[in-house]
């Protein structure tokens, strides 16, 4: 069932009502930010994506065909914008710098083993987890888009099959099939690094 407020907002946007942009930001700004932040894990990037999405929705509202809820269309744009930012060299460089800092912290901690007996184990574990996150991150980004989107929406974002299907505009069974295939590819890619890591045990 469509939201009446969303329908009225959509009509105003399509009519070119400039004040509708302010109401669009009030209605969806925080939700867009939260979604972008979950993908990017970076406040500044999430804020930039939020602004980009709001203006894109305002500019492209004429392309909205109305075959899904306005919110689903907006969240799909947010997803695409976030994925685009994840692929940028700037974001990748930031991630690599954070990993390097984590590794250096681990090395510094290892030099104080005589003060904290178990620190070396903690440092190794910390570095391993950081490396694992980086490996998983890169593996997900390397997936073909048709598999990458379901994996991120279901396994990273935690959406239900129905929610993810609506955003991607595919049937539930199609999404489950693509999700299953994406998980298999990831498990194969990560097996050597994590000793046969099983990413996700839940059923699709």
N, C-alpha and C. Protein backbone atom coordinates (compact mmCIF):
# COMPACT_ATOMS: atom_id res chain seq x y z
N UNK A 1 0.84 -1.20 0.00
CA UNK A 1 0.00 0.00 0.00
C UNK A 1 0.88 1.24 0.00
N UNK A 2 0.59 2.16 -0.90
CA UNK A 2 1.40 3.37 -1.03
C UNK A 2 1.10 4.35 0.09
N UNK A 3 2.10 5.11 0.49
CA UNK A 3 1.96 6.12 1.52
C UNK A 3 1.41 7.38 0.88
N UNK A 4 0.29 7.89 1.44
CA UNK A 4 -0.36 9.08 0.87
C UNK A 4 0.56 10.29 0.90
N UNK A 5 1.32 10.43 2.00
CA UNK A 5 2.24 11.56 2.10
C UNK A 5 3.30 11.48 1.01
N UNK A 6 3.78 10.26 0.75
CA UNK A 6 4.79 10.09 -0.29
C UNK A 6 4.20 10.42 -1.66
N UNK A 7 2.96 10.04 -1.86
CA UNK A 7 2.30 10.31 -3.15
C UNK A 7 2.16 11.81 -3.37
N UNK A 8 1.80 12.54 -2.32
CA UNK A 8 1.66 13.99 -2.43
C UNK A 8 3.01 14.66 -2.66
N UNK A 9 4.01 14.16 -1.96
CA UNK A 9 5.37 14.70 -2.13
C UNK A 9 5.85 14.44 -3.55
N UNK A 10 5.58 13.25 -4.06
CA UNK A 10 5.98 12.90 -5.42
C UNK A 10 5.32 13.83 -6.43
N UNK A 11 4.05 14.10 -6.24
CA UNK A 11 3.32 14.98 -7.16
C UNK A 11 3.92 16.38 -7.16
N UNK A 12 4.30 16.86 -6.00
CA UNK A 12 4.91 18.19 -5.90
C UNK A 12 6.28 18.22 -6.56
N UNK A 13 7.06 17.15 -6.36
CA UNK A 13 8.37 17.07 -6.99
C UNK A 13 8.25 17.06 -8.50
N UNK A 14 7.34 16.27 -9.00
CA UNK A 14 7.15 16.16 -10.44
C UNK A 14 6.59 17.45 -11.05
N UNK A 15 5.93 18.25 -10.21
CA UNK A 15 5.40 19.53 -10.67
C UNK A 15 6.44 20.63 -10.63
N UNK A 16 7.64 20.29 -10.11
CA UNK A 16 8.71 21.27 -10.06
C UNK A 16 8.64 22.22 -8.88
N UNK A 17 7.90 21.85 -7.85
CA UNK A 17 7.76 22.67 -6.65
C UNK A 17 9.10 22.69 -5.91
N UNK A 18 9.75 23.87 -5.89
CA UNK A 18 11.08 23.96 -5.27
C UNK A 18 11.05 23.68 -3.78
N UNK A 19 9.95 24.02 -3.11
CA UNK A 19 9.86 23.78 -1.67
C UNK A 19 9.76 22.28 -1.36
N UNK A 20 9.47 21.47 -2.37
CA UNK A 20 9.35 20.03 -2.17
C UNK A 20 10.71 19.41 -1.86
N UNK A 21 11.79 20.05 -2.33
CA UNK A 21 13.13 19.53 -2.04
C UNK A 21 13.40 19.58 -0.54
N UNK A 22 12.96 20.66 0.11
CA UNK A 22 13.13 20.78 1.56
C UNK A 22 12.33 19.68 2.28
N UNK A 23 11.12 19.44 1.81
CA UNK A 23 10.29 18.41 2.44
C UNK A 23 10.82 17.01 2.14
N UNK A 24 11.43 16.85 0.97
CA UNK A 24 12.05 15.58 0.62
C UNK A 24 13.19 15.29 1.60
N UNK A 25 13.99 16.31 1.87
CA UNK A 25 15.12 16.15 2.80
C UNK A 25 14.61 15.84 4.20
N UNK A 26 13.53 16.49 4.60
CA UNK A 26 12.98 16.27 5.94
C UNK A 26 12.42 14.86 6.07
N UNK A 27 11.79 14.37 5.00
CA UNK A 27 11.15 13.06 5.05
C UNK A 27 12.13 11.90 4.90
N UNK A 28 13.16 12.09 4.06
CA UNK A 28 14.04 10.96 3.74
C UNK A 28 15.52 11.17 4.07
N UNK A 29 15.91 12.40 4.40
CA UNK A 29 17.32 12.69 4.63
C UNK A 29 17.99 11.77 5.64
N UNK A 30 17.38 11.62 6.81
CA UNK A 30 17.99 10.81 7.86
C UNK A 30 18.03 9.33 7.47
N UNK A 31 17.00 8.86 6.78
CA UNK A 31 16.96 7.46 6.36
C UNK A 31 18.03 7.17 5.30
N UNK A 32 18.19 8.12 4.39
CA UNK A 32 19.23 7.98 3.36
C UNK A 32 20.60 7.95 4.02
N UNK A 33 20.80 8.85 4.97
CA UNK A 33 22.10 8.91 5.67
C UNK A 33 22.39 7.60 6.40
N UNK A 34 21.41 7.09 7.13
CA UNK A 34 21.60 5.85 7.88
C UNK A 34 21.95 4.69 6.95
N UNK A 35 21.27 4.62 5.82
CA UNK A 35 21.52 3.55 4.86
C UNK A 35 22.92 3.70 4.27
N UNK A 36 23.28 4.92 3.87
CA UNK A 36 24.61 5.17 3.29
C UNK A 36 25.71 4.88 4.31
N UNK A 37 25.48 5.26 5.55
CA UNK A 37 26.49 5.04 6.58
C UNK A 37 26.71 3.56 6.83
N UNK A 38 25.66 2.76 6.74
CA UNK A 38 25.81 1.32 6.93
C UNK A 38 26.71 0.71 5.86
N UNK A 39 26.61 1.25 4.66
CA UNK A 39 27.45 0.74 3.57
C UNK A 39 28.88 1.26 3.68
N UNK A 40 29.01 2.56 3.99
CA UNK A 40 30.31 3.23 3.89
C UNK A 40 31.09 3.30 5.20
N UNK A 41 30.39 3.24 6.33
CA UNK A 41 31.05 3.30 7.63
C UNK A 41 31.90 4.55 7.79
N UNK A 42 31.45 5.64 7.19
CA UNK A 42 32.20 6.89 7.25
C UNK A 42 31.21 8.04 7.21
N UNK A 43 31.25 8.89 8.24
CA UNK A 43 30.27 9.96 8.39
C UNK A 43 30.30 10.94 7.22
N UNK A 44 31.49 11.40 6.86
CA UNK A 44 31.60 12.39 5.79
C UNK A 44 31.11 11.83 4.45
N UNK A 45 31.50 10.60 4.15
CA UNK A 45 31.04 9.99 2.90
C UNK A 45 29.53 9.82 2.90
N UNK A 46 28.97 9.41 4.03
CA UNK A 46 27.52 9.21 4.12
C UNK A 46 26.79 10.54 3.94
N UNK A 47 27.35 11.60 4.50
CA UNK A 47 26.72 12.92 4.36
C UNK A 47 26.75 13.37 2.91
N UNK A 48 27.88 13.15 2.23
CA UNK A 48 27.99 13.54 0.83
C UNK A 48 27.03 12.74 -0.04
N UNK A 49 26.94 11.44 0.23
CA UNK A 49 26.02 10.60 -0.53
C UNK A 49 24.58 11.06 -0.30
N UNK A 50 24.26 11.41 0.92
CA UNK A 50 22.91 11.89 1.24
C UNK A 50 22.55 13.10 0.40
N UNK A 51 23.45 14.08 0.35
CA UNK A 51 23.18 15.28 -0.45
C UNK A 51 23.07 14.94 -1.94
N UNK A 52 23.95 14.07 -2.41
CA UNK A 52 23.92 13.67 -3.82
C UNK A 52 22.60 13.00 -4.18
N UNK A 53 22.16 12.12 -3.28
CA UNK A 53 20.92 11.37 -3.54
C UNK A 53 19.71 12.30 -3.56
N UNK A 54 19.65 13.21 -2.60
CA UNK A 54 18.51 14.14 -2.54
C UNK A 54 18.40 14.97 -3.81
N UNK A 55 19.53 15.50 -4.27
CA UNK A 55 19.50 16.30 -5.49
C UNK A 55 19.21 15.45 -6.72
N UNK A 56 19.73 14.22 -6.73
CA UNK A 56 19.46 13.34 -7.86
C UNK A 56 17.99 12.98 -7.93
N UNK A 57 17.39 12.71 -6.79
CA UNK A 57 15.95 12.40 -6.75
C UNK A 57 15.16 13.60 -7.29
N UNK A 58 15.55 14.78 -6.85
CA UNK A 58 14.85 16.00 -7.29
C UNK A 58 14.98 16.21 -8.79
N UNK A 59 16.20 15.96 -9.32
CA UNK A 59 16.44 16.18 -10.74
C UNK A 59 15.85 15.09 -11.62
N UNK A 60 15.86 13.85 -11.12
CA UNK A 60 15.45 12.71 -11.93
C UNK A 60 14.04 12.22 -11.65
N UNK A 61 13.29 12.97 -10.86
CA UNK A 61 11.97 12.49 -10.47
C UNK A 61 11.06 12.25 -11.68
N UNK A 62 11.36 12.93 -12.77
CA UNK A 62 10.57 12.72 -13.99
C UNK A 62 10.76 11.32 -14.56
N UNK A 63 11.87 10.66 -14.20
CA UNK A 63 12.14 9.30 -14.69
C UNK A 63 11.46 8.23 -13.85
N UNK A 64 10.91 8.65 -12.70
CA UNK A 64 10.28 7.68 -11.81
C UNK A 64 8.97 7.20 -12.42
N UNK A 65 8.89 5.87 -12.66
CA UNK A 65 7.73 5.32 -13.36
C UNK A 65 6.59 4.93 -12.43
N UNK A 66 6.85 4.94 -11.13
CA UNK A 66 5.78 4.62 -10.20
C UNK A 66 5.46 3.15 -10.07
N UNK A 67 6.36 2.27 -10.56
CA UNK A 67 6.11 0.83 -10.45
C UNK A 67 6.58 0.27 -9.11
N UNK A 68 7.07 1.13 -8.24
CA UNK A 68 7.44 0.75 -6.87
C UNK A 68 7.18 1.95 -5.99
N UNK A 69 7.27 1.76 -4.69
CA UNK A 69 7.07 2.87 -3.77
C UNK A 69 8.17 3.91 -3.95
N UNK A 70 7.85 5.17 -3.69
CA UNK A 70 8.85 6.23 -3.81
C UNK A 70 10.05 5.93 -2.92
N UNK A 71 9.79 5.43 -1.71
CA UNK A 71 10.88 5.13 -0.79
C UNK A 71 11.82 4.07 -1.35
N UNK A 72 11.25 3.05 -2.01
CA UNK A 72 12.09 1.99 -2.60
C UNK A 72 12.97 2.56 -3.70
N UNK A 73 12.43 3.44 -4.49
CA UNK A 73 13.20 4.08 -5.57
C UNK A 73 14.35 4.90 -4.98
N UNK A 74 14.06 5.66 -3.93
CA UNK A 74 15.07 6.49 -3.29
C UNK A 74 16.16 5.62 -2.67
N UNK A 75 15.77 4.52 -2.02
CA UNK A 75 16.76 3.65 -1.39
C UNK A 75 17.61 2.94 -2.43
N UNK A 76 17.03 2.65 -3.60
CA UNK A 76 17.81 2.04 -4.67
C UNK A 76 18.86 3.02 -5.19
N UNK A 77 18.49 4.29 -5.30
CA UNK A 77 19.43 5.32 -5.72
C UNK A 77 20.54 5.45 -4.68
N UNK A 78 20.16 5.38 -3.40
CA UNK A 78 21.14 5.46 -2.32
C UNK A 78 22.12 4.29 -2.40
N UNK A 79 21.59 3.12 -2.64
CA UNK A 79 22.43 1.93 -2.76
C UNK A 79 23.43 2.10 -3.90
N UNK A 80 22.97 2.53 -5.05
CA UNK A 80 23.84 2.70 -6.21
C UNK A 80 24.90 3.77 -5.96
N UNK A 81 24.49 4.87 -5.32
CA UNK A 81 25.43 5.95 -5.03
C UNK A 81 26.50 5.49 -4.04
N UNK A 82 26.09 4.71 -3.06
CA UNK A 82 27.04 4.20 -2.07
C UNK A 82 28.03 3.23 -2.69
N UNK A 83 27.52 2.36 -3.56
CA UNK A 83 28.40 1.41 -4.24
C UNK A 83 29.39 2.13 -5.15
N UNK A 84 28.93 3.20 -5.78
CA UNK A 84 29.81 3.97 -6.65
C UNK A 84 30.94 4.60 -5.84
N UNK A 85 30.59 5.11 -4.66
CA UNK A 85 31.62 5.71 -3.81
C UNK A 85 32.58 4.66 -3.27
N UNK A 86 32.08 3.49 -2.97
CA UNK A 86 32.95 2.42 -2.49
C UNK A 86 34.01 2.05 -3.52
N UNK A 87 33.68 2.24 -4.78
CA UNK A 87 34.62 1.86 -5.84
C UNK A 87 35.63 2.95 -6.17
N UNK A 88 35.46 4.13 -5.60
CA UNK A 88 36.37 5.23 -5.92
C UNK A 88 37.74 5.00 -5.31
N UNK A 89 38.76 5.54 -5.96
CA UNK A 89 40.13 5.38 -5.49
C UNK A 89 40.31 6.03 -4.12
N UNK A 90 39.62 7.15 -3.89
CA UNK A 90 39.75 7.85 -2.62
C UNK A 90 39.30 6.95 -1.47
N UNK A 91 38.15 6.30 -1.65
CA UNK A 91 37.63 5.47 -0.57
C UNK A 91 38.53 4.26 -0.34
N UNK A 92 38.98 3.64 -1.43
CA UNK A 92 39.87 2.50 -1.30
C UNK A 92 41.16 2.89 -0.59
N UNK A 93 41.68 4.08 -0.92
CA UNK A 93 42.92 4.55 -0.31
C UNK A 93 42.72 4.75 1.19
N UNK A 94 41.58 5.32 1.58
CA UNK A 94 41.28 5.54 2.99
C UNK A 94 41.24 4.21 3.74
N UNK A 95 40.60 3.21 3.13
CA UNK A 95 40.51 1.90 3.76
C UNK A 95 41.90 1.29 3.95
N UNK A 96 42.75 1.43 2.92
CA UNK A 96 44.09 0.88 3.00
C UNK A 96 44.92 1.58 4.08
N UNK A 97 44.72 2.91 4.21
CA UNK A 97 45.45 3.66 5.23
C UNK A 97 45.04 3.21 6.63
N UNK A 98 43.73 2.97 6.81
CA UNK A 98 43.25 2.52 8.11
C UNK A 98 43.82 1.14 8.44
N UNK A 99 43.91 0.28 7.42
CA UNK A 99 44.46 -1.06 7.63
C UNK A 99 45.94 -0.96 8.02
N UNK A 100 46.67 -0.03 7.35
CA UNK A 100 48.08 0.15 7.65
C UNK A 100 48.28 0.63 9.08
N UNK A 101 47.43 1.57 9.52
CA UNK A 101 47.53 2.09 10.88
C UNK A 101 47.27 0.97 11.89
N UNK A 102 46.27 0.15 11.60
CA UNK A 102 45.94 -0.97 12.49
C UNK A 102 47.12 -1.93 12.59
N UNK A 103 47.77 -2.22 11.45
CA UNK A 103 48.91 -3.12 11.45
C UNK A 103 50.07 -2.54 12.26
N UNK A 104 50.31 -1.22 12.10
CA UNK A 104 51.38 -0.57 12.84
C UNK A 104 51.12 -0.60 14.34
N UNK A 105 49.84 -0.40 14.70
CA UNK A 105 49.48 -0.45 16.11
C UNK A 105 49.76 -1.84 16.67
N UNK A 106 49.51 -2.85 15.84
CA UNK A 106 49.76 -4.22 16.28
C UNK A 106 51.23 -4.47 16.51
N UNK A 107 52.09 -3.91 15.63
CA UNK A 107 53.52 -4.09 15.77
C UNK A 107 54.04 -3.38 17.02
N UNK A 108 53.50 -2.18 17.29
CA UNK A 108 53.92 -1.45 18.47
C UNK A 108 53.52 -2.21 19.72
N UNK A 109 52.32 -2.80 19.68
CA UNK A 109 51.85 -3.55 20.83
C UNK A 109 52.71 -4.77 21.07
N UNK A 110 53.17 -5.40 19.99
CA UNK A 110 53.98 -6.60 20.13
C UNK A 110 55.31 -6.30 20.83
N UNK A 111 55.80 -5.05 20.71
CA UNK A 111 57.08 -4.71 21.32
C UNK A 111 56.98 -4.57 22.83
N UNK A 112 55.76 -4.58 23.37
CA UNK A 112 55.59 -4.42 24.81
C UNK A 112 55.10 -5.72 25.45
N UNK A 113 55.47 -6.84 24.85
CA UNK A 113 54.98 -8.12 25.33
C UNK A 113 55.37 -8.38 26.79
N UNK A 114 56.55 -7.87 27.21
CA UNK A 114 57.00 -8.15 28.57
C UNK A 114 56.13 -7.44 29.61
N UNK A 115 55.43 -6.38 29.19
CA UNK A 115 54.54 -5.68 30.11
C UNK A 115 53.15 -6.30 30.14
N UNK A 116 52.68 -6.74 28.98
CA UNK A 116 51.36 -7.35 28.88
C UNK A 116 51.53 -8.70 28.22
N UNK A 117 51.60 -9.77 28.98
CA UNK A 117 51.91 -11.11 28.47
C UNK A 117 51.10 -11.55 27.27
N UNK A 118 49.81 -11.23 27.22
CA UNK A 118 48.96 -11.73 26.15
C UNK A 118 48.82 -10.75 24.99
N UNK A 119 49.54 -9.63 25.04
CA UNK A 119 49.34 -8.59 24.03
C UNK A 119 49.66 -9.06 22.62
N UNK A 120 50.67 -9.89 22.46
CA UNK A 120 51.05 -10.34 21.12
C UNK A 120 49.90 -11.09 20.47
N UNK A 121 49.21 -11.93 21.25
CA UNK A 121 48.08 -12.66 20.70
C UNK A 121 46.97 -11.71 20.33
N UNK A 122 46.73 -10.71 21.19
CA UNK A 122 45.69 -9.73 20.91
C UNK A 122 46.02 -8.94 19.65
N UNK A 123 47.28 -8.57 19.50
CA UNK A 123 47.70 -7.80 18.33
C UNK A 123 47.53 -8.62 17.06
N UNK A 124 47.96 -9.87 17.10
CA UNK A 124 47.83 -10.74 15.94
C UNK A 124 46.37 -10.89 15.54
N UNK A 125 45.52 -11.08 16.54
CA UNK A 125 44.09 -11.24 16.27
C UNK A 125 43.50 -9.97 15.69
N UNK A 126 43.93 -8.82 16.24
CA UNK A 126 43.43 -7.53 15.78
C UNK A 126 43.81 -7.30 14.31
N UNK A 127 45.08 -7.56 14.01
CA UNK A 127 45.55 -7.38 12.63
C UNK A 127 44.85 -8.36 11.69
N UNK A 128 44.68 -9.60 12.15
CA UNK A 128 44.02 -10.60 11.31
C UNK A 128 42.60 -10.16 10.98
N UNK A 129 41.89 -9.67 12.00
CA UNK A 129 40.51 -9.24 11.77
C UNK A 129 40.45 -8.06 10.80
N UNK A 130 41.41 -7.14 10.94
CA UNK A 130 41.45 -5.99 10.03
C UNK A 130 41.72 -6.46 8.60
N UNK A 131 42.65 -7.40 8.46
CA UNK A 131 42.97 -7.93 7.15
C UNK A 131 41.79 -8.70 6.57
N UNK A 132 41.08 -9.40 7.44
CA UNK A 132 39.93 -10.16 7.00
C UNK A 132 38.83 -9.23 6.50
N UNK A 133 38.59 -8.14 7.25
CA UNK A 133 37.59 -7.17 6.82
C UNK A 133 37.95 -6.59 5.45
N UNK A 134 39.23 -6.26 5.29
CA UNK A 134 39.68 -5.70 4.02
C UNK A 134 39.51 -6.71 2.89
N UNK A 135 39.83 -7.97 3.16
CA UNK A 135 39.71 -9.01 2.14
C UNK A 135 38.25 -9.24 1.76
N UNK A 136 37.39 -9.29 2.76
CA UNK A 136 35.96 -9.48 2.50
C UNK A 136 35.41 -8.30 1.71
N UNK A 137 35.80 -7.09 2.13
CA UNK A 137 35.37 -5.86 1.47
C UNK A 137 35.73 -5.89 -0.02
N UNK A 138 36.98 -6.23 -0.31
CA UNK A 138 37.43 -6.27 -1.70
C UNK A 138 36.77 -7.40 -2.47
N UNK A 139 36.54 -8.53 -1.80
CA UNK A 139 35.90 -9.67 -2.45
C UNK A 139 34.47 -9.33 -2.84
N UNK A 140 33.76 -8.64 -1.96
CA UNK A 140 32.38 -8.25 -2.26
C UNK A 140 32.35 -7.28 -3.43
N UNK A 141 33.26 -6.31 -3.42
CA UNK A 141 33.28 -5.33 -4.51
C UNK A 141 33.65 -5.98 -5.85
N UNK A 142 34.39 -7.09 -5.80
CA UNK A 142 34.80 -7.74 -7.04
C UNK A 142 33.70 -8.64 -7.63
N UNK A 143 32.65 -8.86 -6.86
CA UNK A 143 31.55 -9.68 -7.37
C UNK A 143 30.87 -8.98 -8.55
N UNK A 144 30.37 -9.73 -9.50
CA UNK A 144 29.55 -9.12 -10.56
C UNK A 144 28.37 -8.42 -9.91
N UNK A 145 27.96 -7.29 -10.46
CA UNK A 145 26.91 -6.48 -9.84
C UNK A 145 25.64 -7.27 -9.55
N UNK A 146 25.33 -8.21 -10.42
CA UNK A 146 24.10 -8.99 -10.26
C UNK A 146 24.11 -9.82 -8.98
N UNK A 147 25.30 -10.17 -8.50
CA UNK A 147 25.44 -10.93 -7.24
C UNK A 147 25.82 -10.02 -6.07
N UNK A 148 26.55 -8.94 -6.38
CA UNK A 148 27.03 -8.06 -5.32
C UNK A 148 25.87 -7.38 -4.59
N UNK A 149 24.89 -6.90 -5.33
CA UNK A 149 23.77 -6.19 -4.71
C UNK A 149 23.00 -7.06 -3.72
N UNK A 150 22.60 -8.28 -4.08
CA UNK A 150 21.89 -9.13 -3.11
C UNK A 150 22.72 -9.43 -1.86
N UNK A 151 24.02 -9.68 -2.04
CA UNK A 151 24.88 -9.99 -0.89
C UNK A 151 24.94 -8.80 0.07
N UNK A 152 25.11 -7.60 -0.46
CA UNK A 152 25.21 -6.42 0.40
C UNK A 152 23.88 -6.14 1.10
N UNK A 153 22.78 -6.20 0.35
CA UNK A 153 21.49 -5.89 0.94
C UNK A 153 21.09 -6.91 2.00
N UNK A 154 21.33 -8.18 1.74
CA UNK A 154 20.90 -9.23 2.68
C UNK A 154 21.92 -9.47 3.80
N UNK A 155 23.19 -9.66 3.44
CA UNK A 155 24.19 -10.06 4.43
C UNK A 155 24.86 -8.90 5.14
N UNK A 156 24.98 -7.75 4.48
CA UNK A 156 25.61 -6.59 5.11
C UNK A 156 24.56 -5.66 5.69
N UNK A 157 23.55 -5.35 4.89
CA UNK A 157 22.50 -4.45 5.35
C UNK A 157 21.51 -5.14 6.27
N UNK A 158 21.36 -6.45 6.13
CA UNK A 158 20.45 -7.19 6.99
C UNK A 158 18.99 -7.09 6.59
N UNK A 159 18.74 -6.75 5.33
CA UNK A 159 17.35 -6.65 4.86
C UNK A 159 16.75 -8.04 4.68
N UNK A 160 15.43 -8.08 4.70
CA UNK A 160 14.73 -9.33 4.43
C UNK A 160 14.74 -9.58 2.92
N UNK A 161 14.41 -10.81 2.54
CA UNK A 161 14.35 -11.13 1.12
C UNK A 161 13.34 -10.23 0.41
N UNK A 162 12.21 -9.99 1.05
CA UNK A 162 11.16 -9.17 0.44
C UNK A 162 11.63 -7.73 0.24
N UNK A 163 12.32 -7.17 1.25
CA UNK A 163 12.80 -5.79 1.14
C UNK A 163 13.84 -5.66 0.04
N UNK A 164 14.78 -6.59 0.02
CA UNK A 164 15.83 -6.55 -1.00
C UNK A 164 15.25 -6.74 -2.40
N UNK A 165 14.28 -7.63 -2.52
CA UNK A 165 13.66 -7.89 -3.82
C UNK A 165 12.96 -6.64 -4.35
N UNK A 166 12.30 -5.91 -3.45
CA UNK A 166 11.59 -4.70 -3.86
C UNK A 166 12.56 -3.64 -4.33
N UNK A 167 13.67 -3.48 -3.60
CA UNK A 167 14.65 -2.47 -3.98
C UNK A 167 15.28 -2.80 -5.33
N UNK A 168 15.58 -4.07 -5.56
CA UNK A 168 16.22 -4.47 -6.81
C UNK A 168 15.22 -4.78 -7.92
N UNK A 169 13.96 -4.77 -7.56
CA UNK A 169 12.88 -5.02 -8.52
C UNK A 169 13.02 -6.38 -9.21
N UNK A 170 13.20 -7.39 -8.40
CA UNK A 170 13.26 -8.76 -8.91
C UNK A 170 12.36 -9.63 -8.04
N UNK A 171 12.02 -10.83 -8.53
CA UNK A 171 11.21 -11.75 -7.76
C UNK A 171 12.03 -12.31 -6.60
N UNK A 172 11.34 -12.70 -5.54
CA UNK A 172 12.02 -13.24 -4.36
C UNK A 172 12.92 -14.42 -4.72
N UNK A 173 12.41 -15.32 -5.55
CA UNK A 173 13.18 -16.51 -5.91
C UNK A 173 14.43 -16.13 -6.70
N UNK A 174 14.30 -15.11 -7.55
CA UNK A 174 15.45 -14.64 -8.32
C UNK A 174 16.52 -14.09 -7.39
N UNK A 175 16.09 -13.32 -6.40
CA UNK A 175 17.04 -12.76 -5.45
C UNK A 175 17.73 -13.86 -4.66
N UNK A 176 16.96 -14.86 -4.22
CA UNK A 176 17.54 -15.97 -3.46
C UNK A 176 18.59 -16.71 -4.28
N UNK A 177 18.29 -16.91 -5.56
CA UNK A 177 19.21 -17.62 -6.44
C UNK A 177 20.52 -16.83 -6.61
N UNK A 178 20.39 -15.51 -6.82
CA UNK A 178 21.57 -14.67 -7.00
C UNK A 178 22.36 -14.56 -5.71
N UNK A 179 21.66 -14.48 -4.58
CA UNK A 179 22.32 -14.42 -3.28
C UNK A 179 23.12 -15.69 -3.02
N UNK A 180 22.51 -16.83 -3.32
CA UNK A 180 23.19 -18.10 -3.13
C UNK A 180 24.46 -18.18 -3.97
N UNK A 181 24.35 -17.75 -5.23
CA UNK A 181 25.50 -17.78 -6.13
C UNK A 181 26.60 -16.83 -5.65
N UNK A 182 26.19 -15.63 -5.19
CA UNK A 182 27.16 -14.66 -4.70
C UNK A 182 27.90 -15.16 -3.48
N UNK A 183 27.19 -15.83 -2.57
CA UNK A 183 27.83 -16.39 -1.38
C UNK A 183 28.83 -17.48 -1.74
N UNK A 184 28.46 -18.30 -2.72
CA UNK A 184 29.37 -19.37 -3.14
C UNK A 184 30.66 -18.80 -3.70
N UNK A 185 30.54 -17.75 -4.50
CA UNK A 185 31.72 -17.11 -5.09
C UNK A 185 32.61 -16.53 -3.98
N UNK A 186 31.97 -15.87 -3.01
CA UNK A 186 32.74 -15.28 -1.91
C UNK A 186 33.44 -16.35 -1.09
N UNK A 187 32.75 -17.42 -0.79
CA UNK A 187 33.37 -18.49 0.00
C UNK A 187 34.60 -19.05 -0.70
N UNK A 188 34.49 -19.19 -2.02
CA UNK A 188 35.61 -19.72 -2.78
C UNK A 188 36.78 -18.75 -2.75
N UNK A 189 36.48 -17.45 -2.90
CA UNK A 189 37.53 -16.44 -2.90
C UNK A 189 38.22 -16.32 -1.54
N UNK A 190 37.46 -16.53 -0.47
CA UNK A 190 37.99 -16.32 0.87
C UNK A 190 38.52 -17.58 1.53
N UNK A 191 38.33 -18.72 0.88
CA UNK A 191 38.71 -20.00 1.50
C UNK A 191 40.19 -20.06 1.87
N UNK A 192 41.07 -19.63 0.98
CA UNK A 192 42.51 -19.68 1.25
C UNK A 192 42.90 -18.78 2.41
N UNK A 193 42.30 -17.58 2.44
CA UNK A 193 42.67 -16.61 3.48
C UNK A 193 42.15 -17.03 4.85
N UNK A 194 40.92 -17.49 4.90
CA UNK A 194 40.28 -17.75 6.19
C UNK A 194 40.16 -19.23 6.51
N UNK A 195 40.83 -20.07 5.78
CA UNK A 195 40.79 -21.49 6.09
C UNK A 195 39.42 -22.08 5.89
N UNK A 196 38.79 -21.74 4.76
CA UNK A 196 37.47 -22.28 4.48
C UNK A 196 36.38 -21.55 5.22
N UNK A 197 36.53 -20.23 5.36
CA UNK A 197 35.55 -19.42 6.07
C UNK A 197 34.15 -19.61 5.52
N UNK A 198 33.19 -19.78 6.40
CA UNK A 198 31.78 -19.83 6.01
C UNK A 198 31.17 -18.49 6.36
N UNK A 199 30.81 -17.75 5.33
CA UNK A 199 30.35 -16.40 5.55
C UNK A 199 28.99 -16.32 6.23
N UNK A 200 28.09 -17.16 5.81
CA UNK A 200 26.72 -16.97 6.25
C UNK A 200 26.04 -18.31 6.38
N UNK A 201 25.53 -18.61 7.54
CA UNK A 201 24.91 -19.91 7.76
C UNK A 201 23.39 -19.84 7.63
N UNK A 202 22.85 -18.65 7.66
CA UNK A 202 21.38 -18.54 7.61
C UNK A 202 20.86 -18.93 6.24
N UNK A 203 19.66 -19.42 6.22
CA UNK A 203 19.04 -19.75 4.95
C UNK A 203 18.58 -18.49 4.25
N UNK A 204 18.54 -18.55 2.93
CA UNK A 204 18.17 -17.33 2.18
C UNK A 204 16.70 -17.01 2.39
